[in-house]
Protein backbone atom coordinates (compact mmCIF):
# COMPACT_ATOMS: atom_id res chain seq x y z
CA MET A 1 -12.92 8.93 40.03
CA ARG A 2 -13.90 12.44 40.98
CA ILE A 3 -10.26 13.58 40.69
CA ILE A 4 -10.06 12.12 37.17
CA ILE A 5 -13.27 13.91 36.11
CA VAL A 6 -12.09 17.22 37.55
CA SER A 7 -8.70 16.85 35.87
CA PHE A 8 -10.35 16.03 32.54
CA ALA A 9 -12.62 19.05 32.89
CA MET A 10 -9.65 21.31 33.59
CA ILE A 11 -7.81 19.97 30.55
CA MET A 12 -10.86 20.56 28.34
CA MET A 13 -11.23 24.09 29.71
CA SER A 14 -7.57 24.71 28.89
CA PHE A 15 -8.01 23.44 25.30
CA ASN A 16 -11.15 25.55 24.87
CA SER A 17 -9.34 28.60 26.18
CA MET A 18 -6.47 28.01 23.74
CA ALA A 19 -8.91 27.54 20.86
CA ASP A 20 -10.76 30.73 21.77
CA SER A 21 -7.47 32.61 21.98
CA GLN A 22 -6.32 31.32 18.58
CA LEU A 23 -9.67 32.19 17.04
CA LYS A 24 -9.51 35.69 18.50
CA ASN A 25 -5.98 36.14 17.16
CA LEU A 26 -7.09 34.98 13.72
CA VAL A 27 -10.03 37.39 13.70
CA ASP A 28 -7.80 40.23 14.88
CA TYR A 29 -5.24 39.27 12.24
CA LYS A 30 -7.69 39.26 9.37
CA VAL A 31 -9.82 42.25 10.31
CA ASN A 32 -8.12 44.59 12.79
CA LYS A 33 -11.02 47.03 12.59
CA GLN A 34 -9.17 49.62 14.68
CA TYR A 35 -7.12 50.43 11.58
CA PRO A 36 -8.87 52.42 8.81
CA GLY A 37 -6.38 50.88 6.40
CA ALA A 38 -8.03 47.46 6.80
CA LYS A 39 -11.16 48.70 5.04
CA LEU A 40 -9.21 50.68 2.47
CA TYR A 41 -7.15 47.58 1.67
CA ALA A 42 -10.37 45.72 0.85
CA ASP A 43 -12.14 48.61 -0.86
CA ARG A 44 -9.20 49.40 -3.15
CA GLY A 45 -9.01 45.82 -4.42
CA CYS A 46 -5.72 44.81 -2.78
CA VAL A 47 -7.44 41.62 -1.61
CA ALA A 48 -7.75 40.34 -5.19
CA CYS A 49 -4.00 39.64 -5.46
CA HIS A 50 -2.71 39.62 -1.89
CA GLY A 51 -5.59 37.94 -0.03
CA ASP A 52 -8.05 39.37 2.48
CA ASP A 53 -5.53 38.77 5.28
CA ALA A 54 -2.56 40.05 3.20
CA ASN A 55 -0.96 36.66 3.84
CA THR A 56 -2.57 34.43 1.20
CA PRO A 57 -1.89 35.81 -2.30
CA SER A 58 -4.00 34.48 -5.15
CA GLN A 59 -0.79 33.49 -6.99
CA PRO A 60 2.69 32.64 -5.63
CA GLN A 61 4.15 35.33 -7.89
CA TYR A 62 2.48 37.94 -5.67
CA PRO A 63 4.06 38.88 -2.32
CA LYS A 64 2.70 38.41 1.15
CA LEU A 65 2.34 41.84 2.72
CA ALA A 66 1.27 41.02 6.28
CA GLY A 67 3.69 42.41 8.86
CA GLN A 68 5.81 44.29 6.34
CA ASN A 69 7.57 47.50 7.37
CA LYS A 70 5.36 50.54 6.87
CA ASP A 71 8.12 52.68 5.29
CA TYR A 72 9.03 49.88 2.88
CA ILE A 73 5.39 49.40 1.80
CA ILE A 74 4.93 53.13 1.18
CA ALA A 75 8.15 53.29 -0.84
CA GLN A 76 7.21 50.30 -3.00
CA ILE A 77 3.67 51.51 -3.71
CA ASN A 78 4.99 54.92 -4.71
CA ASP A 79 7.76 53.41 -6.87
CA ILE A 80 5.24 51.20 -8.68
CA LYS A 81 2.75 54.05 -8.99
CA ASN A 82 5.40 56.38 -10.43
CA GLY A 83 6.88 53.79 -12.78
CA LEU A 84 10.20 53.47 -10.95
CA ARG A 85 9.66 49.77 -10.26
CA ASN A 86 8.87 47.85 -13.44
CA ASN A 87 9.82 44.22 -12.82
CA GLY A 88 7.54 41.21 -12.48
CA ARG A 89 3.85 41.87 -11.95
CA SER A 90 4.30 45.50 -10.86
CA ILE A 91 2.79 46.77 -14.10
CA VAL A 92 -0.47 45.01 -13.19
CA MET A 93 -0.55 46.82 -9.86
CA ARG A 94 0.20 50.17 -11.49
CA GLY A 95 -3.04 49.98 -13.40
CA THR A 96 -5.06 49.42 -10.23
CA ILE A 97 -3.46 51.94 -7.86
CA ILE A 98 -5.95 54.74 -7.38
CA VAL A 99 -5.10 55.57 -3.79
CA ASP A 100 -3.78 58.93 -2.66
CA GLN A 101 -0.85 59.38 -0.27
CA ASN A 102 -3.07 59.50 2.81
CA GLU A 103 -4.71 56.19 1.87
CA ILE A 104 -1.33 54.61 1.10
CA ASP A 105 -0.16 55.59 4.57
CA LYS A 106 -3.24 54.07 6.23
CA ILE A 107 -3.00 50.81 4.27
CA ALA A 108 0.71 50.54 5.08
CA GLU A 109 0.03 51.18 8.76
CA TRP A 110 -2.52 48.35 8.87
CA LEU A 111 -0.29 45.92 7.00
CA SER A 112 2.61 46.64 9.35
CA SER A 113 0.37 45.92 12.35
CA LEU A 114 -0.16 42.30 11.29
CA PRO A 115 1.98 39.62 12.98
CA ILE A 116 4.81 37.50 11.59
CA ASP A 117 5.27 34.40 13.73
CA ILE A 118 8.66 32.74 13.30
CA ILE A 119 9.24 28.98 13.54
CA GLU A 120 12.33 29.08 15.74
CA GLU A 121 13.63 25.65 14.67
CA GLN A 122 14.10 26.88 11.12
CA LEU A 123 16.61 29.50 12.26
CA ASN A 124 19.26 26.77 12.52
CA SER A 125 18.77 25.18 9.09
CA ASP A 126 21.12 25.16 6.09
CA GLY A 127 19.10 27.96 4.52
CA ALA A 128 19.65 30.11 7.61
CA LYS A 129 23.41 29.59 7.41
CA LEU A 130 23.48 30.49 3.71
CA PHE A 131 21.35 33.57 4.44
CA GLN A 132 24.06 34.72 6.85
CA ASP A 133 27.04 33.61 4.75
CA LYS A 134 25.79 35.65 1.79
CA SER A 135 25.36 38.72 4.05
CA CYS A 136 21.56 38.85 3.64
CA SER A 137 21.19 39.08 7.42
CA ILE A 138 23.12 42.37 7.55
CA CYS A 139 20.14 44.24 6.08
CA HIS A 140 17.23 41.89 6.77
CA GLY A 141 18.15 40.50 10.19
CA ILE A 142 19.20 37.00 11.25
CA ASP A 143 15.54 36.00 11.57
CA ALA A 144 14.72 37.70 8.23
CA LYS A 145 12.14 39.88 9.95
CA SER A 146 14.32 42.42 11.77
CA PRO A 147 15.72 44.72 9.05
CA SER A 148 18.44 47.18 10.03
CA LEU A 149 16.43 49.99 8.42
CA SER A 150 12.67 50.43 8.06
CA VAL A 151 13.04 50.90 4.30
CA TYR A 152 14.35 47.34 3.99
CA PRO A 153 11.72 44.57 3.70
CA LYS A 154 10.95 41.77 6.11
CA LEU A 155 11.44 38.53 4.21
CA ALA A 156 10.33 35.85 6.68
CA GLY A 157 7.47 33.72 5.33
CA GLN A 158 7.54 35.26 1.86
CA ASN A 159 6.45 33.09 -1.10
CA LYS A 160 9.52 31.28 -2.44
CA ILE A 161 8.57 31.89 -6.08
CA TYR A 162 8.22 35.62 -5.42
CA SER A 163 11.46 35.81 -3.41
CA LEU A 164 13.43 33.93 -6.05
CA ALA A 165 12.07 36.13 -8.83
CA GLN A 166 13.00 39.31 -6.94
CA MET A 167 16.54 38.12 -6.24
CA LYS A 168 17.05 37.23 -9.91
CA ASP A 169 15.59 40.55 -11.10
CA ILE A 170 17.71 42.59 -8.70
CA LYS A 171 20.87 40.71 -9.68
CA SER A 172 20.15 41.19 -13.40
CA GLY A 173 19.14 44.84 -12.96
CA LYS A 174 15.50 44.38 -14.00
CA ARG A 175 14.52 45.66 -10.59
CA ASN A 176 16.56 48.77 -9.86
CA SER A 177 14.35 51.00 -7.75
CA GLY A 178 14.89 52.00 -4.13
CA ASN A 179 17.79 50.20 -2.44
CA SER A 180 18.08 47.48 -5.10
CA ALA A 181 21.50 48.74 -6.19
CA THR A 182 22.92 47.92 -2.76
CA MET A 183 21.53 44.39 -2.90
CA GLN A 184 22.72 43.89 -6.48
CA GLY A 185 26.31 44.12 -5.31
CA LEU A 186 25.74 41.56 -2.57
CA LEU A 187 24.13 39.15 -5.03
CA TYR A 188 27.18 39.14 -7.30
CA ASP A 189 28.45 35.75 -6.07
CA VAL A 190 25.05 34.30 -5.12
CA THR A 191 24.14 31.52 -7.55
CA THR A 192 20.63 30.63 -8.68
CA ARG A 193 20.90 27.49 -6.56
CA ASP A 194 21.83 29.62 -3.54
CA MET A 195 18.86 31.86 -4.22
CA ALA A 196 16.52 28.88 -4.42
CA ILE A 197 17.77 27.52 -1.08
CA ILE A 198 17.36 30.92 0.58
CA ALA A 199 13.90 31.43 -0.96
CA ASN A 200 12.76 28.01 0.27
CA TRP A 201 14.10 28.78 3.74
CA LEU A 202 12.35 32.15 3.88
CA GLU A 203 9.01 30.55 3.03
CA SER A 204 9.54 27.86 5.69
CA LEU A 205 10.01 30.39 8.47
CA THR A 206 6.35 31.00 9.22
CA LYS A 207 3.07 29.16 9.36
CA ASP A 208 -0.05 30.45 7.67
CA LEU A 209 -2.56 31.74 10.16
CA MET A 210 -5.47 30.38 8.13
């Protein structure tokens, strides 16, 4: 009987330890006070569209920013700010960007510090195969979170509605800033159905940390 009680106690201690660890990770994920960009992100109103954890946008048309490459974030903010990126909801963001280059750098640094946890099983799905067959993995990585260059975005876990809209806009030329021209050529033989399958797969790759 004593052995059973001790074993049960050890199991409960293990569960409590795991719960404490997960809670700590969630707090670190959402706040990360060591980064000045965390406060700037909140103070500058980014939370209104992208969520206080940068992982839960208020609308699926807005992107998740948590874990994104710093160089890519800086490039996109500057392109939107300077009117070089005009597709989708970017015009809404242009009216709210009041940050200077130093603040952009700090916000981007914080966002890039946030984790992206991949669901390994999804890397063998039909969407994963299509992602490779259409050469998406060349730039964005087989796991969709290991881009070949820091100016390319991580796509794993991104909202499917946002991903699909961006693929359509790049293919049609509505989005033509940055490296979009390179991707436009690769999307030539990618159908809307293909895009939808890839977008669904990308969203399935991660679990929300909420």
